[in-house]
């Protein structure tokens, strides 16, 4: 079980984790307060459900990435620790409670993601939109970043989310083209790229963001190509992090990228035109999300390694 400051991963066939993979624990007292608030309001976070290695640090800073539409996903990706199975009914009060949690945590930048809900006609787009509006109503000065599934490529669902006014639209490519069917068999490389391109057509001034994992069997050349493909559809913020096998039942880690190599990925991201790249072993989609958005909105050319 994942607890504050204690992240468990399967070592897999590569054996023990290398010494540079040291998780930041965070402030345990504040972390427990955050966890208690989320439990009180009956809210889920991807931090806990996906066994994020940054859980202790982020909870300790009184922040979290909200996971909406239940704890069970209709898809079964090979890398993801979120539960798979029959999904729960949508909770119409969830958007209000997320806004309340954001207010009580003192957030000015709120990140919302979800399980994939292929059982819903709109893929849950209306629920995303309701959550964005609820946060804006209670916290008019707060910005909301959304990390959405692919909505099976449905442009109308995407438009529903974007019309609610998020500050950043994020959709993860996750891995390189060759490994898509192995890593996320119910999704697709071109579908994801098309969704990100469509977001730029619907909301041209909205920053778009995507993320990749490394260590699933890809080559560096394939990573470089994926970065180029993301830049070509208008993505300006990218995250790259080390894949860590959450349990022995998930895909094994193919390699651990050494510390000195992450700066190479950051340089490649700059070369293809990314305005902001967050790269490093423990970087995840929402890690330091507010900092990335602020840098892009300010027109800065920055990266974090």
C-alpha atoms as a PDB file:
ATOM      1  CA  UNK A   1       0.000   0.000   0.000  1.00  0.00           C
ATOM      2  CA  UNK A   2       1.207   3.506  -0.818  1.00  0.00           C
ATOM      3  CA  UNK A   3       1.521   5.815   2.178  1.00  0.00           C
ATOM      4  CA  UNK A   4       2.743   9.346   2.741  1.00  0.00           C
ATOM      5  CA  UNK A   5       6.459   9.386   2.084  1.00  0.00           C
ATOM      6  CA  UNK A   6       6.584   5.670   1.309  1.00  0.00           C
ATOM      7  CA  UNK A   7       6.289   4.712  -2.351  1.00  0.00           C
ATOM      8  CA  UNK A   8       6.409   1.058  -3.308  1.00  0.00           C
ATOM      9  CA  UNK A   9       7.375  -0.200  -6.750  1.00  0.00           C
ATOM     10  CA  UNK A  10       8.221  -3.616  -8.104  1.00  0.00           C
ATOM     11  CA  UNK A  11      11.983  -3.889  -8.841  1.00  0.00           C
ATOM     12  CA  UNK A  12      11.213  -6.242 -11.745  1.00  0.00           C
ATOM     13  CA  UNK A  13      13.869  -8.024 -13.766  1.00  0.00           C
ATOM     14  CA  UNK A  14      16.394  -5.174 -13.349  1.00  0.00           C
ATOM     15  CA  UNK A  15      16.599  -5.812  -9.627  1.00  0.00           C
ATOM     16  CA  UNK A  16      16.968  -3.044  -7.053  1.00  0.00           C
ATOM     17  CA  UNK A  17      16.259   0.550  -7.956  1.00  0.00           C
ATOM     18  CA  UNK A  18      19.437   2.504  -8.769  1.00  0.00           C
ATOM     19  CA  UNK A  19      20.722   4.842  -6.050  1.00  0.00           C
ATOM     20  CA  UNK A  20      19.713   8.047  -7.847  1.00  0.00           C
ATOM     21  CA  UNK A  21      16.023   7.159  -7.575  1.00  0.00           C
ATOM     22  CA  UNK A  22      15.454   8.726  -4.173  1.00  0.00           C
ATOM     23  CA  UNK A  23      11.914   9.919  -3.473  1.00  0.00           C
ATOM     24  CA  UNK A  24      11.334  13.229  -1.713  1.00  0.00           C
ATOM     25  CA  UNK A  25       9.250  12.509   1.365  1.00  0.00           C
ATOM     26  CA  UNK A  26       7.753  15.947   2.003  1.00  0.00           C
ATOM     27  CA  UNK A  27       6.383  17.300   5.270  1.00  0.00           C
ATOM     28  CA  UNK A  28       4.559  14.404   6.848  1.00  0.00           C
ATOM     29  CA  UNK A  29       2.301  16.541   9.042  1.00  0.00           C
ATOM     30  CA  UNK A  30       0.989  18.622   6.180  1.00  0.00           C
ATOM     31  CA  UNK A  31       0.763  15.538   4.011  1.00  0.00           C
ATOM     32  CA  UNK A  32      -1.527  13.847   6.490  1.00  0.00           C
ATOM     33  CA  UNK A  33      -3.673  16.979   6.649  1.00  0.00           C
ATOM     34  CA  UNK A  34      -4.083  16.930   2.873  1.00  0.00           C
ATOM     35  CA  UNK A  35      -4.924  13.241   2.907  1.00  0.00           C
ATOM     36  CA  UNK A  36      -7.470  13.760   5.696  1.00  0.00           C
ATOM     37  CA  UNK A  37      -9.166  16.585   3.789  1.00  0.00           C
ATOM     38  CA  UNK A  38      -9.465  14.470   0.652  1.00  0.00           C
ATOM     39  CA  UNK A  39     -10.920  11.597   2.653  1.00  0.00           C
ATOM     40  CA  UNK A  40     -13.369  13.923   4.403  1.00  0.00           C
ATOM     41  CA  UNK A  41     -14.669  15.210   1.067  1.00  0.00           C
ATOM     42  CA  UNK A  42     -14.684  11.780  -0.550  1.00  0.00           C
ATOM     43  CA  UNK A  43     -12.269  12.750  -3.321  1.00  0.00           C
ATOM     44  CA  UNK A  44      -9.748  10.702  -5.280  1.00  0.00           C
ATOM     45  CA  UNK A  45      -6.336  11.786  -6.497  1.00  0.00           C
ATOM     46  CA  UNK A  46      -4.166  10.328  -9.207  1.00  0.00           C
ATOM     47  CA  UNK A  47      -1.315  10.794  -6.730  1.00  0.00           C
ATOM     48  CA  UNK A  48      -2.643   7.902  -4.672  1.00  0.00           C
ATOM     49  CA  UNK A  49      -4.458   5.832  -7.293  1.00  0.00           C
ATOM     50  CA  UNK A  50      -1.485   5.753  -9.687  1.00  0.00           C
ATOM     51  CA  UNK A  51       1.147   5.379  -6.926  1.00  0.00           C
ATOM     52  CA  UNK A  52       2.921   8.582  -7.885  1.00  0.00           C
ATOM     53  CA  UNK A  53       6.444   8.791  -6.420  1.00  0.00           C
ATOM     54  CA  UNK A  54       5.899  12.481  -5.647  1.00  0.00           C
ATOM     55  CA  UNK A  55       2.890  11.921  -3.402  1.00  0.00           C
ATOM     56  CA  UNK A  56       4.725  12.762  -0.171  1.00  0.00           C
ATOM     57  CA  UNK A  57       6.239  15.933  -1.605  1.00  0.00           C
ATOM     58  CA  UNK A  58       3.018  17.223  -3.166  1.00  0.00           C
ATOM     59  CA  UNK A  59       0.713  16.336  -0.267  1.00  0.00           C
ATOM     60  CA  UNK A  60       3.284  17.929   2.011  1.00  0.00           C
ATOM     61  CA  UNK A  61       2.966  21.144  -0.012  1.00  0.00           C
ATOM     62  CA  UNK A  62      -0.835  20.940   0.281  1.00  0.00           C
ATOM     63  CA  UNK A  63      -1.464  20.191  -3.360  1.00  0.00           C
ATOM     64  CA  UNK A  64      -2.784  17.233  -5.326  1.00  0.00           C
ATOM     65  CA  UNK A  65      -4.043  16.232  -8.757  1.00  0.00           C
ATOM     66  CA  UNK A  66      -7.737  15.455  -8.512  1.00  0.00           C
ATOM     67  CA  UNK A  67      -8.959  12.238 -10.150  1.00  0.00           C
ATOM     68  CA  UNK A  68     -12.594  12.551 -11.216  1.00  0.00           C
ATOM     69  CA  UNK A  69     -15.281  10.092 -12.339  1.00  0.00           C
ATOM     70  CA  UNK A  70     -14.352   7.297  -9.957  1.00  0.00           C
ATOM     71  CA  UNK A  71     -11.406   5.051  -9.192  1.00  0.00           C
ATOM     72  CA  UNK A  72     -11.937   2.398 -11.881  1.00  0.00           C
ATOM     73  CA  UNK A  73     -10.903   2.851 -15.492  1.00  0.00           C
ATOM     74  CA  UNK A  74     -12.580   1.261 -18.504  1.00  0.00           C
ATOM     75  CA  UNK A  75      -9.158   0.732 -20.077  1.00  0.00           C
ATOM     76  CA  UNK A  76      -6.320  -1.454 -18.877  1.00  0.00           C
ATOM     77  CA  UNK A  77      -2.999   0.123 -19.841  1.00  0.00           C
ATOM     78  CA  UNK A  78       0.105  -1.913 -19.121  1.00  0.00           C
ATOM     79  CA  UNK A  79       1.878   0.812 -17.144  1.00  0.00           C
ATOM     80  CA  UNK A  80      -0.906   2.235 -15.004  1.00  0.00           C
ATOM     81  CA  UNK A  81      -1.717   1.360 -11.389  1.00  0.00           C
ATOM     82  CA  UNK A  82      -5.242   2.818 -11.533  1.00  0.00           C
ATOM     83  CA  UNK A  83      -7.808   0.040 -11.071  1.00  0.00           C
ATOM     84  CA  UNK A  84      -9.522  -1.440 -14.124  1.00  0.00           C
ATOM     85  CA  UNK A  85     -13.096  -2.652 -14.126  1.00  0.00           C
ATOM     86  CA  UNK A  86     -16.748  -1.687 -14.207  1.00  0.00           C
ATOM     87  CA  UNK A  87     -16.854   2.044 -13.471  1.00  0.00           C
ATOM     88  CA  UNK A  88     -18.869   3.731 -10.757  1.00  0.00           C
ATOM     89  CA  UNK A  89     -21.837   5.995 -11.584  1.00  0.00           C
ATOM     90  CA  UNK A  90     -20.880   9.653 -11.980  1.00  0.00           C
ATOM     91  CA  UNK A  91     -21.200  11.704  -8.803  1.00  0.00           C
ATOM     92  CA  UNK A  92     -22.937  14.990  -9.721  1.00  0.00           C
ATOM     93  CA  UNK A  93     -21.712  16.616  -6.510  1.00  0.00           C
ATOM     94  CA  UNK A  94     -18.047  15.806  -7.162  1.00  0.00           C
ATOM     95  CA  UNK A  95     -17.259  19.084  -9.019  1.00  0.00           C
ATOM     96  CA  UNK A  96     -18.498  21.131  -6.050  1.00  0.00           C
ATOM     97  CA  UNK A  97     -16.418  19.124  -3.584  1.00  0.00           C
ATOM     98  CA  UNK A  98     -13.300  19.495  -5.721  1.00  0.00           C
ATOM     99  CA  UNK A  99     -13.793  23.250  -5.764  1.00  0.00           C
ATOM    100  CA  UNK A 100     -14.246  23.201  -1.983  1.00  0.00           C
ATOM    101  CA  UNK A 101     -11.078  21.142  -1.530  1.00  0.00           C
ATOM    102  CA  UNK A 102      -9.149  23.573  -3.728  1.00  0.00           C
ATOM    103  CA  UNK A 103     -10.429  26.455  -1.634  1.00  0.00           C
ATOM    104  CA  UNK A 104      -9.529  24.803   1.674  1.00  0.00           C
ATOM    105  CA  UNK A 105      -6.063  23.875   0.376  1.00  0.00           C
ATOM    106  CA  UNK A 106      -5.502  27.458  -0.742  1.00  0.00           C
ATOM    107  CA  UNK A 107      -4.875  26.469  -4.358  1.00  0.00           C
ATOM    108  CA  UNK A 108      -4.569  29.003  -7.129  1.00  0.00           C
ATOM    109  CA  UNK A 109      -3.659  26.375  -9.711  1.00  0.00           C
ATOM    110  CA  UNK A 110      -5.864  23.294  -9.816  1.00  0.00           C
ATOM    111  CA  UNK A 111      -5.029  20.178 -11.832  1.00  0.00           C
ATOM    112  CA  UNK A 112      -7.840  17.775 -12.724  1.00  0.00           C
ATOM    113  CA  UNK A 113      -7.532  14.413 -14.459  1.00  0.00           C
ATOM    114  CA  UNK A 114      -9.759  11.361 -14.735  1.00  0.00           C
ATOM    115  CA  UNK A 115     -10.041   7.701 -15.345  1.00  0.00           C
ATOM    116  CA  UNK A 116     -11.033   6.867 -18.912  1.00  0.00           C
ATOM    117  CA  UNK A 117     -14.792   6.443 -19.220  1.00  0.00           C
ATOM    118  CA  UNK A 118     -15.480   4.785 -22.550  1.00  0.00           C
ATOM    119  CA  UNK A 119     -18.878   3.751 -21.138  1.00  0.00           C
ATOM    120  CA  UNK A 120     -20.130   7.353 -21.303  1.00  0.00           C
ATOM    121  CA  UNK A 121     -21.372   8.790 -24.615  1.00  0.00           C
ATOM    122  CA  UNK A 122     -19.180  11.890 -24.222  1.00  0.00           C
ATOM    123  CA  UNK A 123     -16.343  10.129 -22.419  1.00  0.00           C
ATOM    124  CA  UNK A 124     -17.001  12.277 -19.357  1.00  0.00           C
ATOM    125  CA  UNK A 125     -16.408  15.605 -21.089  1.00  0.00           C
ATOM    126  CA  UNK A 126     -19.437  17.261 -19.474  1.00  0.00           C
ATOM    127  CA  UNK A 127     -18.189  16.206 -16.038  1.00  0.00           C
ATOM    128  CA  UNK A 128     -14.791  17.763 -16.782  1.00  0.00           C
ATOM    129  CA  UNK A 129     -16.547  20.965 -17.848  1.00  0.00           C
ATOM    130  CA  UNK A 130     -18.704  21.003 -14.715  1.00  0.00           C
ATOM    131  CA  UNK A 131     -15.587  20.647 -12.563  1.00  0.00           C
ATOM    132  CA  UNK A 132     -13.831  23.535 -14.308  1.00  0.00           C
ATOM    133  CA  UNK A 133     -16.898  25.760 -13.870  1.00  0.00           C
ATOM    134  CA  UNK A 134     -17.295  24.798 -10.208  1.00  0.00           C
ATOM    135  CA  UNK A 135     -13.701  25.770  -9.429  1.00  0.00           C
ATOM    136  CA  UNK A 136     -14.043  29.052 -11.323  1.00  0.00           C
ATOM    137  CA  UNK A 137     -17.273  29.852  -9.496  1.00  0.00           C
ATOM    138  CA  UNK A 138     -15.800  29.344  -6.035  1.00  0.00           C
ATOM    139  CA  UNK A 139     -12.258  30.515  -6.877  1.00  0.00           C
ATOM    140  CA  UNK A 140     -12.536  33.087  -9.693  1.00  0.00           C
ATOM    141  CA  UNK A 141      -8.796  33.776  -9.646  1.00  0.00           C
ATOM    142  CA  UNK A 142      -7.774  30.129  -9.848  1.00  0.00           C
ATOM    143  CA  UNK A 143      -6.525  28.497 -13.044  1.00  0.00           C
ATOM    144  CA  UNK A 144      -7.528  24.939 -13.931  1.00  0.00           C
ATOM    145  CA  UNK A 145      -5.341  22.556 -15.902  1.00  0.00           C
ATOM    146  CA  UNK A 146      -7.044  19.460 -17.302  1.00  0.00           C
ATOM    147  CA  UNK A 147      -5.346  16.177 -18.186  1.00  0.00           C
ATOM    148  CA  UNK A 148      -7.920  14.294 -20.223  1.00  0.00           C
ATOM    149  CA  UNK A 149      -8.245  10.901 -21.875  1.00  0.00           C
ATOM    150  CA  UNK A 150      -8.546  10.798 -25.654  1.00  0.00           C
ATOM    151  CA  UNK A 151     -12.388  10.789 -25.761  1.00  0.00           C
ATOM    152  CA  UNK A 152     -11.944   8.217 -28.561  1.00  0.00           C
ATOM    153  CA  UNK A 153     -10.986  11.154 -30.755  1.00  0.00           C
ATOM    154  CA  UNK A 154     -14.385  12.850 -30.444  1.00  0.00           C
ATOM    155  CA  UNK A 155     -14.020  16.527 -31.331  1.00  0.00           C
ATOM    156  CA  UNK A 156     -17.390  17.453 -29.772  1.00  0.00           C
ATOM    157  CA  UNK A 157     -16.303  16.059 -26.392  1.00  0.00           C
ATOM    158  CA  UNK A 158     -13.032  17.949 -26.620  1.00  0.00           C
ATOM    159  CA  UNK A 159     -14.914  21.165 -27.433  1.00  0.00           C
ATOM    160  CA  UNK A 160     -17.144  20.672 -24.374  1.00  0.00           C
ATOM    161  CA  UNK A 161     -14.085  20.651 -22.121  1.00  0.00           C
ATOM    162  CA  UNK A 162     -12.334  23.564 -23.807  1.00  0.00           C
ATOM    163  CA  UNK A 163     -15.430  25.777 -23.800  1.00  0.00           C
ATOM    164  CA  UNK A 164     -15.426  25.632 -19.993  1.00  0.00           C
ATOM    165  CA  UNK A 165     -12.181  27.628 -19.998  1.00  0.00           C
ATOM    166  CA  UNK A 166      -9.237  25.576 -18.708  1.00  0.00           C
ATOM    167  CA  UNK A 167      -5.882  27.345 -18.483  1.00  0.00           C
ATOM    168  CA  UNK A 168      -3.900  24.435 -19.957  1.00  0.00           C
ATOM    169  CA  UNK A 169      -5.025  21.387 -21.921  1.00  0.00           C
ATOM    170  CA  UNK A 170      -2.978  18.254 -21.294  1.00  0.00           C
ATOM    171  CA  UNK A 171      -3.226  14.874 -22.961  1.00  0.00           C
ATOM    172  CA  UNK A 172      -0.406  12.371 -22.645  1.00  0.00           C
ATOM    173  CA  UNK A 173       1.157  10.540 -25.565  1.00  0.00           C
ATOM    174  CA  UNK A 174       2.725   8.283 -22.905  1.00  0.00           C
ATOM    175  CA  UNK A 175       5.170   6.417 -25.146  1.00  0.00           C
ATOM    176  CA  UNK A 176       6.624   6.231 -28.641  1.00  0.00           C
ATOM    177  CA  UNK A 177       4.678   5.091 -31.710  1.00  0.00           C
ATOM    178  CA  UNK A 178       6.133   1.565 -31.861  1.00  0.00           C
ATOM    179  CA  UNK A 179       5.141   0.712 -28.274  1.00  0.00           C
ATOM    180  CA  UNK A 180       1.593   2.082 -28.202  1.00  0.00           C
ATOM    181  CA  UNK A 181      -0.213  -1.244 -28.610  1.00  0.00           C
ATOM    182  CA  UNK A 182       1.868  -2.824 -25.880  1.00  0.00           C
ATOM    183  CA  UNK A 183       1.703   0.079 -23.436  1.00  0.00           C
ATOM    184  CA  UNK A 184      -1.858   1.326 -23.995  1.00  0.00           C
ATOM    185  CA  UNK A 185      -3.623  -1.142 -26.296  1.00  0.00           C
ATOM    186  CA  UNK A 186      -6.982   0.672 -26.313  1.00  0.00           C
ATOM    187  CA  UNK A 187      -5.473   4.007 -27.367  1.00  0.00           C
ATOM    188  CA  UNK A 188      -3.432   5.176 -30.341  1.00  0.00           C
ATOM    189  CA  UNK A 189      -0.506   7.416 -31.216  1.00  0.00           C
ATOM    190  CA  UNK A 190      -2.265   9.181 -34.086  1.00  0.00           C
ATOM    191  CA  UNK A 191      -5.488   9.566 -32.095  1.00  0.00           C
ATOM    192  CA  UNK A 192      -3.603  11.365 -29.345  1.00  0.00           C
ATOM    193  CA  UNK A 193      -1.729  13.603 -31.767  1.00  0.00           C
ATOM    194  CA  UNK A 194      -4.969  14.437 -33.575  1.00  0.00           C
ATOM    195  CA  UNK A 195      -6.671  15.339 -30.289  1.00  0.00           C
ATOM    196  CA  UNK A 196      -3.843  17.713 -29.375  1.00  0.00           C
ATOM    197  CA  UNK A 197      -3.967  19.268 -32.842  1.00  0.00           C
ATOM    198  CA  UNK A 198      -7.748  19.692 -32.616  1.00  0.00           C
ATOM    199  CA  UNK A 199      -7.388  21.432 -29.254  1.00  0.00           C
ATOM    200  CA  UNK A 200      -5.261  24.053 -30.985  1.00  0.00           C
ATOM    201  CA  UNK A 201      -7.887  24.535 -33.678  1.00  0.00           C
ATOM    202  CA  UNK A 202     -10.715  24.962 -31.153  1.00  0.00           C
ATOM    203  CA  UNK A 203      -8.760  27.130 -28.681  1.00  0.00           C
ATOM    204  CA  UNK A 204      -5.749  28.571 -30.553  1.00  0.00           C
ATOM    205  CA  UNK A 205      -4.312  30.536 -27.634  1.00  0.00           C
ATOM    206  CA  UNK A 206      -4.594  27.746 -25.067  1.00  0.00           C
ATOM    207  CA  UNK A 207      -1.261  26.146 -24.082  1.00  0.00           C
ATOM    208  CA  UNK A 208      -1.157  22.435 -24.838  1.00  0.00           C
ATOM    209  CA  UNK A 209       0.865  19.910 -22.934  1.00  0.00           C
ATOM    210  CA  UNK A 210       1.805  16.248 -23.200  1.00  0.00           C
ATOM    211  CA  UNK A 211       4.006  13.710 -21.479  1.00  0.00           C
ATOM    212  CA  UNK A 212       6.177  10.686 -22.184  1.00  0.00           C
ATOM    213  CA  UNK A 213       7.573   7.898 -20.044  1.00  0.00           C
ATOM    214  CA  UNK A 214      11.016   6.452 -20.671  1.00  0.00           C
ATOM    215  CA  UNK A 215      12.171   2.976 -19.775  1.00  0.00           C
ATOM    216  CA  UNK A 216       9.505   0.928 -21.543  1.00  0.00           C
ATOM    217  CA  UNK A 217      11.730  -0.325 -24.344  1.00  0.00           C
ATOM    218  CA  UNK A 218      11.920   2.745 -26.557  1.00  0.00           C
ATOM    219  CA  UNK A 219      15.116   4.035 -28.134  1.00  0.00           C
ATOM    220  CA  UNK A 220      16.427   7.568 -27.754  1.00  0.00           C
ATOM    221  CA  UNK A 221      15.835   8.110 -31.463  1.00  0.00           C
ATOM    222  CA  UNK A 222      12.164   7.263 -30.947  1.00  0.00           C
ATOM    223  CA  UNK A 223      11.932   9.712 -28.058  1.00  0.00           C
ATOM    224  CA  UNK A 224      13.389  12.435 -30.263  1.00  0.00           C
ATOM    225  CA  UNK A 225      10.817  11.616 -32.960  1.00  0.00           C
ATOM    226  CA  UNK A 226       7.957  11.714 -30.459  1.00  0.00           C
ATOM    227  CA  UNK A 227       9.077  15.143 -29.254  1.00  0.00           C
ATOM    228  CA  UNK A 228       9.179  16.323 -32.855  1.00  0.00           C
ATOM    229  CA  UNK A 229       5.683  14.928 -33.473  1.00  0.00           C
ATOM    230  CA  UNK A 230       4.303  16.700 -30.406  1.00  0.00           C
ATOM    231  CA  UNK A 231       5.856  19.999 -31.396  1.00  0.00           C
ATOM    232  CA  UNK A 232       4.445  19.596 -34.920  1.00  0.00           C
ATOM    233  CA  UNK A 233       0.868  19.583 -33.579  1.00  0.00           C
ATOM    234  CA  UNK A 234       1.472  22.641 -31.397  1.00  0.00           C
ATOM    235  CA  UNK A 235       2.343  21.209 -27.999  1.00  0.00           C
ATOM    236  CA  UNK A 236       4.454  23.742 -26.068  1.00  0.00           C
ATOM    237  CA  UNK A 237       4.872  22.018 -22.677  1.00  0.00           C
ATOM    238  CA  UNK A 238       6.284  18.525 -22.336  1.00  0.00           C
ATOM    239  CA  UNK A 239       7.083  16.252 -19.400  1.00  0.00           C
ATOM    240  CA  UNK A 240       9.416  13.264 -19.487  1.00  0.00           C
ATOM    241  CA  UNK A 241       9.874  10.923 -16.564  1.00  0.00           C
ATOM    242  CA  UNK A 242      11.195   7.487 -15.673  1.00  0.00           C
ATOM    243  CA  UNK A 243       8.690   4.653 -15.867  1.00  0.00           C
ATOM    244  CA  UNK A 244       8.566   2.729 -12.593  1.00  0.00           C
ATOM    245  CA  UNK A 245       6.781  -0.607 -12.508  1.00  0.00           C
ATOM    246  CA  UNK A 246       3.971  -0.229  -9.937  1.00  0.00           C
ATOM    247  CA  UNK A 247       3.469  -3.987  -9.392  1.00  0.00           C
ATOM    248  CA  UNK A 248       4.835  -7.228 -10.758  1.00  0.00           C
ATOM    249  CA  UNK A 249       1.706  -7.530 -12.914  1.00  0.00           C
ATOM    250  CA  UNK A 250       2.559  -4.371 -14.869  1.00  0.00           C
ATOM    251  CA  UNK A 251       5.007  -3.917 -17.727  1.00  0.00           C
ATOM    252  CA  UNK A 252       8.638  -4.376 -16.635  1.00  0.00           C
ATOM    253  CA  UNK A 253      11.166  -1.561 -16.683  1.00  0.00           C
ATOM    254  CA  UNK A 254      13.493  -1.939 -19.658  1.00  0.00           C
ATOM    255  CA  UNK A 255      16.114   0.560 -18.471  1.00  0.00           C
ATOM    256  CA  UNK A 256      16.792   3.239 -15.873  1.00  0.00           C
ATOM    257  CA  UNK A 257      17.965   6.463 -17.492  1.00  0.00           C
ATOM    258  CA  UNK A 258      21.057   7.787 -15.649  1.00  0.00           C
ATOM    259  CA  UNK A 259      20.996  11.311 -14.160  1.00  0.00           C
ATOM    260  CA  UNK A 260      23.366  12.847 -16.706  1.00  0.00           C
ATOM    261  CA  UNK A 261      21.162  11.820 -19.646  1.00  0.00           C
ATOM    262  CA  UNK A 262      18.071  13.811 -18.683  1.00  0.00           C
ATOM    263  CA  UNK A 263      19.683  17.060 -19.792  1.00  0.00           C
ATOM    264  CA  UNK A 264      19.958  15.542 -23.276  1.00  0.00           C
ATOM    265  CA  UNK A 265      16.188  15.102 -23.401  1.00  0.00           C
ATOM    266  CA  UNK A 266      15.720  18.676 -22.206  1.00  0.00           C
ATOM    267  CA  UNK A 267      17.967  19.935 -24.988  1.00  0.00           C
ATOM    268  CA  UNK A 268      16.053  17.912 -27.572  1.00  0.00           C
ATOM    269  CA  UNK A 269      12.788  19.409 -26.327  1.00  0.00           C
ATOM    270  CA  UNK A 270      14.201  22.900 -26.754  1.00  0.00           C
ATOM    271  CA  UNK A 271      15.507  22.044 -30.212  1.00  0.00           C
ATOM    272  CA  UNK A 272      12.080  20.983 -31.486  1.00  0.00           C
ATOM    273  CA  UNK A 273      10.521  24.177 -30.139  1.00  0.00           C
ATOM    274  CA  UNK A 274       9.039  23.358 -26.748  1.00  0.00           C
ATOM    275  CA  UNK A 275       8.555  26.445 -24.601  1.00  0.00           C
ATOM    276  CA  UNK A 276       8.906  24.421 -21.391  1.00  0.00           C
ATOM    277  CA  UNK A 277      10.213  20.941 -20.690  1.00  0.00           C
ATOM    278  CA  UNK A 278      10.175  19.228 -17.304  1.00  0.00           C
ATOM    279  CA  UNK A 279      12.423  16.167 -17.436  1.00  0.00           C
ATOM    280  CA  UNK A 280      13.827  13.879 -14.772  1.00  0.00           C
ATOM    281  CA  UNK A 281      13.316  10.505 -13.110  1.00  0.00           C
ATOM    282  CA  UNK A 282      10.378  11.580 -10.947  1.00  0.00           C
ATOM    283  CA  UNK A 283       8.768  14.064 -13.315  1.00  0.00           C
ATOM    284  CA  UNK A 284       5.101  13.272 -13.881  1.00  0.00           C
ATOM    285  CA  UNK A 285       2.376  14.980 -15.896  1.00  0.00           C
ATOM    286  CA  UNK A 286       1.295  17.376 -13.163  1.00  0.00           C
ATOM    287  CA  UNK A 287       4.605  17.863 -11.378  1.00  0.00           C
ATOM    288  CA  UNK A 288       5.204  21.613 -10.870  1.00  0.00           C
ATOM    289  CA  UNK A 289       2.395  22.234 -13.350  1.00  0.00           C
ATOM    290  CA  UNK A 290       1.790  25.801 -12.199  1.00  0.00           C
ATOM    291  CA  UNK A 291       5.445  26.695 -12.767  1.00  0.00           C
ATOM    292  CA  UNK A 292       5.350  25.347 -16.311  1.00  0.00           C
ATOM    293  CA  UNK A 293       2.158  27.226 -17.169  1.00  0.00           C
ATOM    294  CA  UNK A 294       3.503  30.467 -15.710  1.00  0.00           C
ATOM    295  CA  UNK A 295       6.722  30.164 -17.706  1.00  0.00           C
ATOM    296  CA  UNK A 296       4.871  29.584 -20.970  1.00  0.00           C
ATOM    297  CA  UNK A 297       2.372  32.381 -20.364  1.00  0.00           C
ATOM    298  CA  UNK A 298       5.251  34.738 -19.619  1.00  0.00           C
ATOM    299  CA  UNK A 299       6.902  33.816 -22.895  1.00  0.00           C
ATOM    300  CA  UNK A 300       9.898  32.306 -21.142  1.00  0.00           C
ATOM    301  CA  UNK A 301      12.041  29.593 -22.714  1.00  0.00           C
ATOM    302  CA  UNK A 302      12.764  27.383 -19.755  1.00  0.00           C
ATOM    303  CA  UNK A 303      13.208  23.801 -18.751  1.00  0.00           C
ATOM    304  CA  UNK A 304      13.485  21.928 -15.487  1.00  0.00           C
ATOM    305  CA  UNK A 305      15.783  18.948 -15.081  1.00  0.00           C
END
